[in-house]
C-alpha atoms as a PDB file:
ATOM      1  CA  UNK A   1     -78.772  20.491-250.409  1.00  0.00           C
ATOM      2  CA  UNK A   2     -76.841  22.580-252.865  1.00  0.00           C
ATOM      3  CA  UNK A   3     -77.014  25.441-250.617  1.00  0.00           C
ATOM      4  CA  UNK A   4     -75.120  23.505-247.714  1.00  0.00           C
ATOM      5  CA  UNK A   5     -72.492  22.319-250.031  1.00  0.00           C
ATOM      6  CA  UNK A   6     -71.845  25.773-250.964  1.00  0.00           C
ATOM      7  CA  UNK A   7     -71.775  27.097-247.596  1.00  0.00           C
ATOM      8  CA  UNK A   8     -69.422  24.222-246.730  1.00  0.00           C
ATOM      9  CA  UNK A   9     -67.246  25.208-249.541  1.00  0.00           C
ATOM     10  CA  UNK A  10     -67.004  28.720-248.638  1.00  0.00           C
ATOM     11  CA  UNK A  11     -66.221  27.863-245.003  1.00  0.00           C
ATOM     12  CA  UNK A  12     -63.318  25.569-246.071  1.00  0.00           C
ATOM     13  CA  UNK A  13     -61.855  28.462-248.050  1.00  0.00           C
ATOM     14  CA  UNK A  14     -61.982  30.695-245.235  1.00  0.00           C
ATOM     15  CA  UNK A  15     -60.599  28.283-242.849  1.00  0.00           C
ATOM     16  CA  UNK A  16     -57.651  27.270-245.508  1.00  0.00           C
ATOM     17  CA  UNK A  17     -56.848  30.944-246.102  1.00  0.00           C
ATOM     18  CA  UNK A  18     -57.177  31.826-242.260  1.00  0.00           C
ATOM     19  CA  UNK A  19     -54.770  28.743-241.238  1.00  0.00           C
ATOM     20  CA  UNK A  20     -52.032  29.712-244.011  1.00  0.00           C
ATOM     21  CA  UNK A  21     -51.734  33.261-242.878  1.00  0.00           C
ATOM     22  CA  UNK A  22     -51.523  32.154-239.358  1.00  0.00           C
ATOM     23  CA  UNK A  23     -48.849  29.704-240.265  1.00  0.00           C
ATOM     24  CA  UNK A  24     -46.966  32.164-242.332  1.00  0.00           C
ATOM     25  CA  UNK A  25     -46.880  34.402-239.606  1.00  0.00           C
ATOM     26  CA  UNK A  26     -45.223  31.798-237.248  1.00  0.00           C
ATOM     27  CA  UNK A  27     -42.076  32.968-239.212  1.00  0.00           C
ATOM     28  CA  UNK A  28     -41.867  35.920-236.785  1.00  0.00           C
ATOM     29  CA  UNK A  29     -41.194  33.532-233.952  1.00  0.00           C
ATOM     30  CA  UNK A  30     -38.190  32.339-235.708  1.00  0.00           C
ATOM     31  CA  UNK A  31     -37.128  35.966-236.354  1.00  0.00           C
ATOM     32  CA  UNK A  32     -36.562  36.283-232.578  1.00  0.00           C
ATOM     33  CA  UNK A  33     -40.033  37.802-231.598  1.00  0.00           C
ATOM     34  CA  UNK A  34     -41.671  35.908-228.518  1.00  0.00           C
ATOM     35  CA  UNK A  35     -45.108  33.908-228.317  1.00  0.00           C
ATOM     36  CA  UNK A  36     -47.026  37.015-226.782  1.00  0.00           C
ATOM     37  CA  UNK A  37     -45.659  39.144-229.668  1.00  0.00           C
ATOM     38  CA  UNK A  38     -46.821  36.692-232.113  1.00  0.00           C
ATOM     39  CA  UNK A  39     -50.396  36.517-230.790  1.00  0.00           C
ATOM     40  CA  UNK A  40     -50.467  40.383-230.259  1.00  0.00           C
ATOM     41  CA  UNK A  41     -49.555  40.655-234.089  1.00  0.00           C
ATOM     42  CA  UNK A  42     -51.998  37.930-235.276  1.00  0.00           C
ATOM     43  CA  UNK A  43     -54.729  39.441-233.035  1.00  0.00           C
ATOM     44  CA  UNK A  44     -54.568  42.681-234.980  1.00  0.00           C
ATOM     45  CA  UNK A  45     -54.499  40.900-238.990  1.00  0.00           C
ATOM     46  CA  UNK A  46     -57.698  40.665-240.270  1.00  0.00           C
ATOM     47  CA  UNK A  47     -56.803  37.783-242.432  1.00  0.00           C
ATOM     48  CA  UNK A  48     -56.255  35.681-239.539  1.00  0.00           C
ATOM     49  CA  UNK A  49     -59.875  36.125-238.479  1.00  0.00           C
ATOM     50  CA  UNK A  50     -60.775  33.921-241.499  1.00  0.00           C
ATOM     51  CA  UNK A  51     -60.002  30.901-239.636  1.00  0.00           C
ATOM     52  CA  UNK A  52     -62.351  31.001-237.044  1.00  0.00           C
ATOM     53  CA  UNK A  53     -64.981  32.557-239.249  1.00  0.00           C
ATOM     54  CA  UNK A  54     -64.327  29.340-241.620  1.00  0.00           C
ATOM     55  CA  UNK A  55     -64.107  26.736-238.688  1.00  0.00           C
ATOM     56  CA  UNK A  56     -67.638  28.660-237.308  1.00  0.00           C
ATOM     57  CA  UNK A  57     -69.224  28.048-240.578  1.00  0.00           C
ATOM     58  CA  UNK A  58     -69.103  24.388-240.661  1.00  0.00           C
ATOM     59  CA  UNK A  59     -71.380  23.770-237.515  1.00  0.00           C
END
């Protein structure tokens, strides 16, 4: 039980960290870049991969 709670906490932290990074990079669209450039930039950033990793650890 404690181990599952620990994994849940780690996964939640990863998901929050990756989500905040992805949302913060949305400012690129406001700065004049297109959606395709945003997606290409996010695909190259390591911290944005934390969001799917954190969501995947919930299952």
